[in-house]
Amino acid sequence: MTRTHEAGAMHGDYASLRPAWLGVPEDVNAILPQLWSQNVERAAGVLHIGGLSVEKLAAEFGTPAYVFDEDDFRARCRAWTEAFAGADVFYASKAFCSKAVLRAAAEEGLSVDVCTAGELAVALAAGVDPARLGLHGNNKSLAELHQAVEIGIGRIVVDSFQEIERIEAISQELGRRANVMVRVNVGVEAHTHEYIATAHEDQKFGFSLTGGDAYEAARRVVHAGHLNLLGLHSHIGSQIFDTAAFEVSAARVARLQAQLQTDLGITLEELDLGGGFGMAYTTQDDPQPPEVIAASLRRIVEHECAGAGIDVPRLSIEPGRSLIGPAMFTLYEVGTVKPVTLSGGASRLYVSVDGGISDNIRTALYDATYSATLASRSSSATPALARVVGKHCESGDIVVKDEFLPADVAPGDLLAVPGTGAYCRSMGSNYNHVPRPPVVAVRDGQARVILARETVDDLLRLDVG
C-alpha cells in the first residue's frame, strides 16, 4: 500500500472541502457539551473551566497548555467503578501518565495499568499500592520484571514464552510467587484505525489461539513452580463504540478457558477484556455511557461462559481514553491567519497556532479528527471553513483538519481544542526542538501545574555533545 504525501492527500479534492458529518453551525460560538468536560462553559463570550477564564489561564501559564478538569476526571472514574461494581477497573496510564492523575484514579477506586519502568515509577511515586498495579508490554526488560516481582505487583500480563521463563526464574530467585495473566490474541479486529487495532493475528501482542500458542502459554504457567495464573487477557483495539466485537472475543477466550479447565483441572478466576472504549472527538462520535457498556459486557460474558460450560470469572477492564480524554483541552494562541483560495473559487482559512504536531501527533499519525472553538471571545462573524495548523516545518502539521470558525478569527485570539487528554501529551515530542507544554489542573476554582512546561534550557541540558 502506497502512502501519498500529506499535502497531496489533504489537497487533492477541491470539490468537497469538508467531510459530510461537518455541518455549518447555526451558532459558531456554541459549545457542544458532549465534546467538553463537565465544567467548561462560556461566560461573557469567553471560555471558562471551573469558573476560571482561559484568558486568565493563558496569562498565568502561557500557551500552548493542556488544561485538565480534575473534577470531571474524578467523576468519570467514579462512574466507571460504579457501573462495573464487583469488577476491577484499571486506568490505562499509557493514555496519560502523571503523579496527580494516577493518584486521583487510585483515590477514586481504580487500579492502574502500566507498561514501562517509567510508568511504574510514576505510579509508585504517586503512592499507588503495588498490589493494585498491572504490568503490560510485549518486551519487558529483566529489570522491569525483577522490580515488578520484588514489589509484589498485582499482576503481570505475559506476552511471550521467554517472558514466562524469565518471571519464573526471577520469582524463584526472590522466593516469591508472581501473579500473571496470559494475553490471548483472539484474532478479532475491532472497527477502528488499522494502526491501533491490536487483536488481529499478524501483530506483536499476545499468544495466538491459532496453533495453540495461547493454550501452551497457560499450560506452562500452570506447571511453573513460582507462578500463579489469575486468568486470561484480551484486547481488541481502540476507540470502540459498540460491544459487538467483544462477543466474538469473549466466546473464543471462554472456549480456551473451558479447554484449560478440562485438561489441566484449573479454574481461572479472572477475565480481562482490555480497554479501547471510545470517546467523542467530534459530532460524528457517539460513545456509550459506562453503565450501558457494563451491562452489555456482563451479558456477553455470562452468555459465552454458559455456552462453554464454565463458571463466570471476575471481570476486569482497562479504560484510558474514555476517562482522561474528555477531561482535558489544549489552549493555543493564534499566530497567523491565511485565507487560501483553491481551484474553482473555494477557499479555506489556515489558522496557525503556537503548538502543533509536537503536542498532538494523532491527526498526522492516525488521521484523527478534532474540533476547535474560538475561546477568548464570541463573534458575530459568519462561520468560515478553517484548518488549524501548527508552527512546525512539516506540511502534515495539522491539529484540526476541518472546523468552522468565525471568519474574523485573528492573531492573538485563543483557540481551544477539546478531547486532548488521551495520547497527546503522552505521545508528545520535541520536534523542531519545541518544548512540550505544561498540564494545568483546575479544581474547585483553583489552577495548578501538575506537569511543568519544558524550556529550551531543559533541551540544552540533555544535549551534552
Protein backbone atom coordinates (compact mmCIF):
# COMPACT_ATOMS: atom_id res chain seq x y z
CA MET A 1 0.00 0.00 0.00
CA THR A 2 1.49 3.33 -1.07
CA ARG A 3 1.04 6.37 1.18
CA THR A 4 0.83 9.73 -0.54
CA HIS A 5 2.44 12.79 0.94
CA GLU A 6 0.22 14.63 3.40
CA ALA A 7 -0.08 17.69 1.18
CA GLY A 8 -1.31 15.62 -1.73
CA ALA A 9 -3.75 13.69 0.41
CA MET A 10 -5.14 16.81 2.01
CA HIS A 11 -5.46 18.99 -1.06
CA GLY A 12 -6.31 16.63 -3.87
CA ASP A 13 -10.11 17.07 -3.81
CA TYR A 14 -11.42 20.61 -4.13
CA ALA A 15 -15.00 19.61 -4.93
CA SER A 16 -15.82 18.73 -1.35
CA LEU A 17 -13.70 20.62 1.13
CA ARG A 18 -15.39 19.39 4.26
CA PRO A 19 -16.46 15.95 5.45
CA ALA A 20 -20.13 15.03 5.24
CA TRP A 21 -20.57 14.93 9.02
CA LEU A 22 -19.40 18.54 9.49
CA GLY A 23 -22.36 20.85 9.05
CA VAL A 24 -22.35 24.64 9.03
CA PRO A 25 -23.16 25.66 12.61
CA GLU A 26 -26.11 27.88 13.37
CA ASP A 27 -24.08 29.42 16.19
CA VAL A 28 -20.32 29.32 15.67
CA ASN A 29 -19.85 30.19 19.35
CA ALA A 30 -21.82 27.23 20.67
CA ILE A 31 -20.13 24.76 22.99
CA LEU A 32 -21.29 21.18 22.36
CA PRO A 33 -21.42 19.53 25.80
CA GLN A 34 -20.55 16.04 24.52
CA LEU A 35 -17.13 17.28 23.36
CA TRP A 36 -16.07 19.05 26.54
CA SER A 37 -15.52 18.29 30.20
CA GLN A 38 -18.43 18.95 32.52
CA ASN A 39 -17.07 22.22 33.98
CA VAL A 40 -16.46 24.05 30.70
CA GLU A 41 -18.83 26.87 29.73
CA ARG A 42 -18.94 30.25 28.03
CA ALA A 43 -19.38 33.32 30.19
CA ALA A 44 -19.46 36.79 28.63
CA GLY A 45 -18.29 35.14 25.42
CA VAL A 46 -15.11 33.71 26.95
CA LEU A 47 -14.47 30.03 27.60
CA HIS A 48 -14.28 29.16 31.29
CA ILE A 49 -13.33 25.98 33.11
CA GLY A 50 -14.24 25.55 36.76
CA GLY A 51 -15.03 29.28 36.94
CA LEU A 52 -11.63 30.35 35.54
CA SER A 53 -11.39 32.10 32.18
CA VAL A 54 -8.98 30.86 29.55
CA GLU A 55 -7.65 34.41 29.34
CA LYS A 56 -6.58 34.19 32.98
CA LEU A 57 -5.07 30.74 32.43
CA ALA A 58 -3.16 31.90 29.34
CA ALA A 59 -1.84 34.98 31.16
CA GLU A 60 -0.65 32.92 34.14
CA PHE A 61 0.60 29.73 32.48
CA GLY A 62 1.19 30.67 28.84
CA THR A 63 0.21 28.84 25.68
CA PRO A 64 0.08 26.24 24.41
CA ALA A 65 -1.12 24.44 27.53
CA TYR A 66 -3.14 21.35 28.30
CA VAL A 67 -5.95 22.26 30.69
CA PHE A 68 -7.15 19.39 32.87
CA ASP A 69 -10.59 19.33 34.53
CA GLU A 70 -9.76 17.23 37.59
CA ASP A 71 -13.34 17.10 38.89
CA ASP A 72 -14.52 15.80 35.54
CA PHE A 73 -11.86 13.09 35.52
CA ARG A 74 -12.74 12.00 39.05
CA ALA A 75 -16.43 11.89 38.15
CA ARG A 76 -15.68 9.65 35.16
CA CYS A 77 -13.59 7.35 37.35
CA ARG A 78 -16.48 7.02 39.80
CA ALA A 79 -18.95 6.38 37.00
CA TRP A 80 -16.85 3.50 35.66
CA THR A 81 -16.21 1.93 39.08
CA GLU A 82 -19.90 2.17 39.96
CA ALA A 83 -21.01 0.72 36.62
CA PHE A 84 -18.53 -2.15 36.98
CA ALA A 85 -19.14 -2.81 40.67
CA GLY A 86 -17.72 -6.23 41.51
CA ALA A 87 -15.20 -5.98 38.66
CA ASP A 88 -11.71 -4.49 38.57
CA VAL A 89 -11.26 -1.25 36.64
CA PHE A 90 -7.65 -0.46 35.68
CA TYR A 91 -6.80 3.01 34.43
CA ALA A 92 -4.62 2.57 31.32
CA SER A 93 -1.87 5.03 32.20
CA LYS A 94 -0.40 4.99 28.69
CA ALA A 95 -3.22 7.38 27.73
CA PHE A 96 -1.80 9.98 30.11
CA CYS A 97 0.57 9.42 32.99
CA SER A 98 1.36 11.82 35.81
CA LYS A 99 1.52 11.54 39.58
CA ALA A 100 -1.52 13.74 40.10
CA VAL A 101 -3.69 11.80 37.65
CA LEU A 102 -2.66 8.33 38.87
CA ARG A 103 -3.17 9.44 42.47
CA ALA A 104 -6.65 10.73 41.61
CA ALA A 105 -7.54 7.50 39.80
CA ALA A 106 -6.45 5.41 42.80
CA GLU A 107 -8.35 7.66 45.22
CA GLU A 108 -11.49 7.11 43.17
CA GLY A 109 -11.15 3.33 43.42
CA LEU A 110 -9.31 2.39 40.24
CA SER A 111 -6.31 0.16 39.85
CA VAL A 112 -3.60 1.27 37.41
CA ASP A 113 -2.14 -0.42 34.35
CA VAL A 114 1.47 0.41 33.41
CA CYS A 115 3.66 -0.87 30.59
CA THR A 116 7.15 0.53 31.20
CA ALA A 117 9.55 1.21 34.06
CA GLY A 118 8.80 4.91 33.64
CA GLU A 119 5.06 4.50 34.09
CA LEU A 120 5.67 2.13 37.01
CA ALA A 121 7.95 4.71 38.66
CA VAL A 122 5.27 7.39 38.34
CA ALA A 123 2.62 5.09 39.81
CA LEU A 124 4.81 4.22 42.78
CA ALA A 125 5.73 7.89 43.28
CA ALA A 126 2.02 8.68 43.29
CA GLY A 127 1.55 6.26 46.15
CA VAL A 128 -0.42 3.62 44.28
CA ASP A 129 -0.40 0.28 46.11
CA PRO A 130 1.72 -2.18 44.08
CA ALA A 131 -0.99 -4.81 44.61
CA ARG A 132 -3.30 -2.57 42.54
CA LEU A 133 -0.89 -2.33 39.61
CA GLY A 134 -0.77 -4.38 36.42
CA LEU A 135 2.25 -4.57 34.12
CA HIS A 136 1.78 -4.89 30.36
CA GLY A 137 4.21 -4.93 27.45
CA ASN A 138 5.50 -7.22 24.73
CA ASN A 139 9.19 -6.74 25.59
CA LYS A 140 9.53 -6.13 29.31
CA SER A 141 13.15 -5.91 30.37
CA LEU A 142 14.69 -8.14 33.01
CA ALA A 143 14.99 -5.09 35.27
CA GLU A 144 11.30 -4.27 34.84
CA LEU A 145 10.26 -7.85 35.57
CA HIS A 146 12.59 -8.07 38.58
CA GLN A 147 11.18 -4.87 40.05
CA ALA A 148 7.60 -5.99 39.43
CA VAL A 149 8.11 -9.30 41.23
CA GLU A 150 10.13 -7.70 44.02
CA ILE A 151 7.47 -5.09 44.90
CA GLY A 152 4.64 -7.64 44.72
CA ILE A 153 2.86 -6.17 41.73
CA GLY A 154 -0.74 -7.25 41.41
CA ARG A 155 -0.32 -8.94 38.05
CA ILE A 156 1.98 -9.26 35.08
CA VAL A 157 0.33 -9.79 31.70
CA VAL A 158 2.69 -12.19 29.93
CA ASP A 159 3.26 -11.82 26.23
CA SER A 160 5.88 -14.43 25.22
CA PHE A 161 7.28 -17.81 26.21
CA GLN A 162 10.63 -16.20 27.05
CA GLU A 163 8.87 -13.89 29.47
CA ILE A 164 7.24 -16.82 31.28
CA GLU A 165 10.69 -18.34 31.77
CA ARG A 166 12.15 -15.05 32.98
CA ILE A 167 9.40 -14.37 35.51
CA GLU A 168 9.67 -17.92 36.83
CA ALA A 169 13.45 -17.59 37.28
CA ILE A 170 13.14 -14.19 38.96
CA SER A 171 10.36 -15.41 41.27
CA GLN A 172 12.44 -18.44 42.25
CA GLU A 173 15.44 -16.21 42.93
CA LEU A 174 13.39 -13.88 45.15
CA GLY A 175 11.38 -16.61 46.79
CA ARG A 176 8.10 -15.10 45.57
CA ARG A 177 5.05 -16.21 43.62
CA ALA A 178 4.11 -13.88 40.79
CA ASN A 179 0.52 -13.37 39.65
CA VAL A 180 0.29 -13.50 35.87
CA MET A 181 -2.31 -13.32 33.15
CA VAL A 182 -1.86 -14.72 29.65
CA ARG A 183 -2.58 -12.23 26.88
CA VAL A 184 -4.57 -14.03 24.20
CA ASN A 185 -4.62 -12.79 20.62
CA VAL A 186 -8.19 -13.75 19.77
CA GLY A 187 -7.99 -12.79 16.09
CA VAL A 188 -10.74 -10.18 16.38
CA GLU A 189 -10.15 -6.77 14.83
CA ALA A 190 -12.42 -4.01 16.08
CA HIS A 191 -13.65 -1.43 13.59
CA THR A 192 -11.01 1.19 14.14
CA HIS A 193 -7.88 2.63 12.56
CA GLU A 194 -5.54 -0.09 11.35
CA TYR A 195 -2.63 1.18 13.42
CA ILE A 196 -4.49 0.86 16.72
CA ALA A 197 -6.43 -2.35 16.13
CA THR A 198 -4.47 -4.83 18.22
CA ALA A 199 -6.15 -8.24 18.19
CA HIS A 200 -5.73 -9.43 14.60
CA GLU A 201 -3.23 -12.26 14.34
CA ASP A 202 -0.41 -10.61 12.37
CA GLN A 203 0.86 -8.30 15.12
CA LYS A 204 3.24 -8.21 18.06
CA PHE A 205 0.92 -8.59 21.05
CA GLY A 206 -0.22 -11.76 22.78
CA PHE A 207 -0.32 -15.50 22.17
CA SER A 208 -2.31 -16.59 19.16
CA LEU A 209 -5.15 -19.06 19.51
CA THR A 210 -4.22 -20.41 16.10
CA GLY A 211 -1.70 -23.19 16.51
CA GLY A 212 -2.32 -23.49 20.24
CA ASP A 213 0.21 -20.90 21.48
CA ALA A 214 -2.21 -19.40 24.00
CA TYR A 215 -3.05 -22.85 25.37
CA GLU A 216 0.61 -23.74 25.65
CA ALA A 217 1.43 -20.47 27.42
CA ALA A 218 -1.27 -21.10 30.02
CA ARG A 219 -0.08 -24.70 30.45
CA ARG A 220 3.49 -23.56 31.07
CA VAL A 221 2.38 -21.03 33.65
CA VAL A 222 0.28 -23.62 35.47
CA HIS A 223 3.21 -26.03 35.64
CA ALA A 224 5.73 -23.38 36.70
CA GLY A 225 6.71 -23.61 40.33
CA HIS A 226 6.52 -19.91 41.23
CA LEU A 227 3.73 -18.51 39.05
CA ASN A 228 0.03 -18.11 39.76
CA LEU A 229 -2.25 -17.96 36.71
CA LEU A 230 -5.01 -15.45 37.51
CA GLY A 231 -6.73 -15.71 34.16
CA LEU A 232 -6.78 -14.74 30.50
CA HIS A 233 -6.48 -11.32 28.95
CA SER A 234 -7.53 -9.97 25.56
CA HIS A 235 -7.60 -6.55 23.91
CA ILE A 236 -9.28 -5.93 20.57
CA GLY A 237 -8.49 -2.35 19.62
CA SER A 238 -9.15 1.26 20.48
CA GLN A 239 -11.79 3.96 20.03
CA ILE A 240 -14.54 1.29 20.03
CA PHE A 241 -18.16 2.48 20.16
CA ASP A 242 -20.11 -0.76 20.49
CA THR A 243 -19.61 -4.10 22.22
CA ALA A 244 -20.34 -6.40 19.28
CA ALA A 245 -16.69 -7.30 18.73
CA PHE A 246 -16.39 -8.30 22.38
CA GLU A 247 -18.88 -11.12 21.79
CA VAL A 248 -16.50 -12.97 19.47
CA SER A 249 -13.54 -12.22 21.73
CA ALA A 250 -15.30 -13.43 24.88
CA ALA A 251 -16.53 -16.57 23.12
CA ARG A 252 -13.03 -17.56 22.00
CA VAL A 253 -11.48 -16.84 25.39
CA ALA A 254 -14.26 -18.78 27.14
CA ARG A 255 -13.65 -21.81 24.92
CA LEU A 256 -9.94 -21.68 25.73
CA GLN A 257 -10.70 -21.39 29.42
CA ALA A 258 -13.04 -24.40 29.23
CA GLN A 259 -10.33 -26.41 27.49
CA LEU A 260 -7.79 -25.49 30.16
CA GLN A 261 -10.26 -26.38 32.89
CA THR A 262 -10.92 -29.80 31.36
CA ASP A 263 -7.32 -30.66 30.52
CA LEU A 264 -5.50 -29.15 33.49
CA GLY A 265 -8.17 -29.22 36.17
CA ILE A 266 -7.91 -25.49 36.92
CA THR A 267 -10.50 -22.77 37.39
CA LEU A 268 -9.36 -19.32 36.30
CA GLU A 269 -10.71 -16.56 38.48
CA GLU A 270 -10.39 -13.54 36.20
CA LEU A 271 -11.14 -12.49 32.63
CA ASP A 272 -9.77 -9.18 31.37
CA LEU A 273 -11.40 -7.80 28.23
CA GLY A 274 -8.96 -4.91 27.90
CA GLY A 275 -9.95 -1.38 27.04
CA GLY A 276 -10.34 0.71 23.92
CA PHE A 277 -13.70 2.26 24.80
CA GLY A 278 -14.34 5.29 22.63
CA MET A 279 -14.90 8.98 23.33
CA ALA A 280 -16.32 11.88 21.35
CA TYR A 281 -13.82 14.00 19.44
CA THR A 282 -16.41 15.44 17.02
CA THR A 283 -20.15 15.24 16.44
CA GLN A 284 -19.69 12.05 14.42
CA ASP A 285 -18.68 10.12 17.58
CA ASP A 286 -21.33 8.61 19.84
CA PRO A 287 -19.78 6.79 22.80
CA GLN A 288 -21.91 4.69 25.14
CA PRO A 289 -22.08 5.55 28.85
CA PRO A 290 -20.23 3.17 31.20
CA GLU A 291 -23.41 1.68 32.66
CA VAL A 292 -24.53 0.58 29.19
CA ILE A 293 -21.10 -0.86 28.39
CA ALA A 294 -21.00 -2.68 31.74
CA ALA A 295 -24.43 -4.24 31.31
CA SER A 296 -23.61 -5.34 27.77
CA LEU A 297 -20.23 -6.85 28.67
CA ARG A 298 -21.72 -8.71 31.62
CA ARG A 299 -24.42 -10.21 29.39
CA ILE A 300 -21.83 -11.22 26.83
CA VAL A 301 -19.51 -12.87 29.37
CA GLU A 302 -22.35 -14.69 31.15
CA HIS A 303 -23.76 -15.96 27.85
CA GLU A 304 -20.41 -17.13 26.48
CA CYS A 305 -19.37 -18.78 29.75
CA ALA A 306 -22.68 -20.62 29.92
CA GLY A 307 -22.15 -21.80 26.36
CA ALA A 308 -18.67 -23.02 27.23
CA GLY A 309 -19.88 -24.71 30.40
CA ILE A 310 -17.69 -22.76 32.82
CA ASP A 311 -18.32 -20.50 35.80
CA VAL A 312 -18.34 -16.76 35.17
CA PRO A 313 -14.94 -15.34 36.19
CA ARG A 314 -14.33 -11.99 37.78
CA LEU A 315 -14.31 -9.33 35.07
CA SER A 316 -11.65 -6.68 34.64
CA ILE A 317 -11.32 -3.85 32.10
CA GLU A 318 -8.77 -1.16 31.25
CA PRO A 319 -10.30 2.17 30.17
CA GLY A 320 -7.90 5.01 29.50
CA ARG A 321 -9.01 7.30 26.69
CA SER A 322 -12.64 7.36 27.85
CA LEU A 323 -11.56 8.60 31.30
CA ILE A 324 -8.83 11.14 30.62
CA GLY A 325 -9.55 12.14 27.01
CA PRO A 326 -12.66 14.28 27.55
CA ALA A 327 -11.27 15.77 30.77
CA MET A 328 -8.66 17.91 29.01
CA PHE A 329 -8.42 20.51 26.26
CA THR A 330 -5.46 22.26 24.68
CA LEU A 331 -5.31 26.04 24.73
CA TYR A 332 -3.44 27.75 21.89
CA GLU A 333 -2.79 31.31 20.73
CA VAL A 334 -3.35 32.17 17.08
CA GLY A 335 -0.25 33.46 15.32
CA THR A 336 -1.30 33.94 11.70
CA VAL A 337 -4.47 33.56 9.64
CA LYS A 338 -4.11 32.85 5.94
CA PRO A 339 -7.07 32.60 3.54
CA VAL A 340 -6.11 30.14 0.81
CA THR A 341 -8.04 30.30 -2.46
CA LEU A 342 -8.39 26.94 -4.15
CA SER A 343 -9.29 26.00 -7.71
CA GLY A 344 -12.94 26.57 -8.50
CA GLY A 345 -13.05 29.66 -6.30
CA ALA A 346 -13.38 27.86 -2.97
CA SER A 347 -11.25 28.97 -0.05
CA ARG A 348 -10.16 27.82 3.35
CA LEU A 349 -8.74 29.66 6.35
CA TYR A 350 -5.42 28.32 7.56
CA VAL A 351 -5.24 29.25 11.23
CA SER A 352 -1.74 28.78 12.64
CA VAL A 353 -1.31 28.26 16.38
CA ASP A 354 1.71 28.17 18.67
CA GLY A 355 1.76 24.38 19.04
CA GLY A 356 1.06 21.56 16.64
CA ILE A 357 2.39 18.13 15.86
CA SER A 358 4.68 18.13 18.90
CA ASP A 359 1.75 18.38 21.32
CA ASN A 360 -0.80 16.43 19.24
CA ILE A 361 0.57 13.94 16.74
CA ARG A 362 -2.67 11.98 16.45
CA THR A 363 -4.06 13.94 13.50
CA ALA A 364 -0.97 13.21 11.42
CA LEU A 365 -0.38 9.70 12.76
CA TYR A 366 -3.90 8.28 12.87
CA ASP A 367 -5.82 10.67 10.62
CA ALA A 368 -7.68 11.60 13.80
CA THR A 369 -10.36 14.28 13.83
CA TYR A 370 -10.72 17.05 16.39
CA SER A 371 -12.89 20.09 16.99
CA ALA A 372 -11.95 23.64 17.95
CA THR A 373 -13.56 26.83 19.18
CA LEU A 374 -12.63 30.48 19.45
CA ALA A 375 -12.10 30.67 23.20
CA SER A 376 -11.18 34.26 24.13
CA ARG A 377 -14.29 35.97 22.78
CA SER A 378 -17.54 35.39 20.99
CA SER A 379 -18.03 36.54 17.42
CA SER A 380 -20.90 37.64 15.23
CA ALA A 381 -18.94 36.90 12.05
CA THR A 382 -20.14 34.24 9.63
CA PRO A 383 -18.68 30.72 10.01
CA ALA A 384 -15.71 30.05 7.75
CA LEU A 385 -14.26 26.64 6.94
CA ALA A 386 -10.88 26.52 8.63
CA ARG A 387 -7.94 24.24 9.19
CA VAL A 388 -6.00 24.65 12.41
CA VAL A 389 -2.31 24.03 11.79
CA GLY A 390 0.85 24.15 13.87
CA LYS A 391 4.12 26.03 13.72
CA HIS A 392 6.35 23.11 12.72
CA CYS A 393 8.25 22.75 9.46
CA GLU A 394 6.05 19.91 8.25
CA SER A 395 3.11 20.00 5.82
CA GLY A 396 1.35 17.32 7.87
CA ASP A 397 1.46 19.54 10.96
CA ILE A 398 -2.31 19.72 11.30
CA VAL A 399 -4.18 19.95 14.61
CA VAL A 400 -7.76 20.15 13.33
CA LYS A 401 -8.35 19.24 9.69
CA ASP A 402 -11.85 20.66 9.28
CA GLU A 403 -13.74 23.07 11.50
CA PHE A 404 -15.96 26.12 11.19
CA LEU A 405 -14.51 29.11 12.99
CA PRO A 406 -15.65 32.75 12.89
CA ALA A 407 -14.43 34.44 9.73
CA ASP A 408 -12.86 37.20 11.81
CA VAL A 409 -10.53 34.89 13.77
CA ALA A 410 -7.32 36.86 14.15
CA PRO A 411 -3.78 36.77 15.52
CA GLY A 412 -3.80 36.96 19.31
CA ASP A 413 -7.08 35.08 19.66
CA LEU A 414 -7.14 32.00 21.86
CA LEU A 415 -8.34 28.69 20.41
CA ALA A 416 -9.31 25.64 22.46
CA VAL A 417 -9.26 22.07 21.13
CA PRO A 418 -11.29 19.65 23.28
CA GLY A 419 -10.66 15.96 23.89
CA THR A 420 -6.87 16.11 24.05
CA GLY A 421 -6.32 14.29 27.34
CA ALA A 422 -5.50 10.93 25.81
CA TYR A 423 -2.34 10.24 23.80
CA CYS A 424 -1.50 13.89 23.14
CA ARG A 425 0.86 14.81 25.99
CA SER A 426 1.86 11.16 26.38
CA MET A 427 2.91 10.97 22.71
CA GLY A 428 4.33 14.49 22.68
CA SER A 429 7.75 15.21 21.23
CA ASN A 430 10.33 17.95 20.84
CA TYR A 431 10.06 18.05 17.06
CA ASN A 432 11.85 21.14 15.75
CA HIS A 433 13.14 21.49 19.33
CA VAL A 434 9.84 22.83 20.58
CA PRO A 435 9.49 22.33 24.36
CA ARG A 436 6.42 20.41 25.46
CA PRO A 437 3.52 22.35 27.03
CA PRO A 438 2.54 22.17 30.69
CA VAL A 439 -0.52 20.43 32.08
CA VAL A 440 -2.60 22.76 34.23
CA ALA A 441 -5.17 21.14 36.53
CA VAL A 442 -8.28 23.06 37.55
CA ARG A 443 -10.30 22.03 40.60
CA ASP A 444 -12.60 23.93 42.94
CA GLY A 445 -11.87 27.20 41.17
CA GLN A 446 -8.10 26.83 41.59
CA ALA A 447 -5.46 26.12 38.95
CA ARG A 448 -2.12 24.43 39.49
CA VAL A 449 0.60 22.98 37.29
CA ILE A 450 0.86 19.19 37.51
CA LEU A 451 3.39 18.80 34.68
CA ALA A 452 5.74 21.71 34.17
CA ARG A 453 6.37 23.37 30.84
CA GLU A 454 9.64 22.29 29.28
CA THR A 455 12.11 25.05 28.45
CA VAL A 456 14.92 25.50 25.99
CA ASP A 457 17.26 25.10 28.96
CA ASP A 458 15.79 21.62 29.52
CA LEU A 459 16.57 20.71 25.92
CA LEU A 460 20.12 22.05 26.12
CA ARG A 461 20.75 20.30 29.45
CA LEU A 462 20.33 16.93 27.73
CA ASP A 463 22.49 17.93 24.75
CA VAL A 464 25.91 17.01 26.14
CA GLY A 465 27.85 16.84 22.86
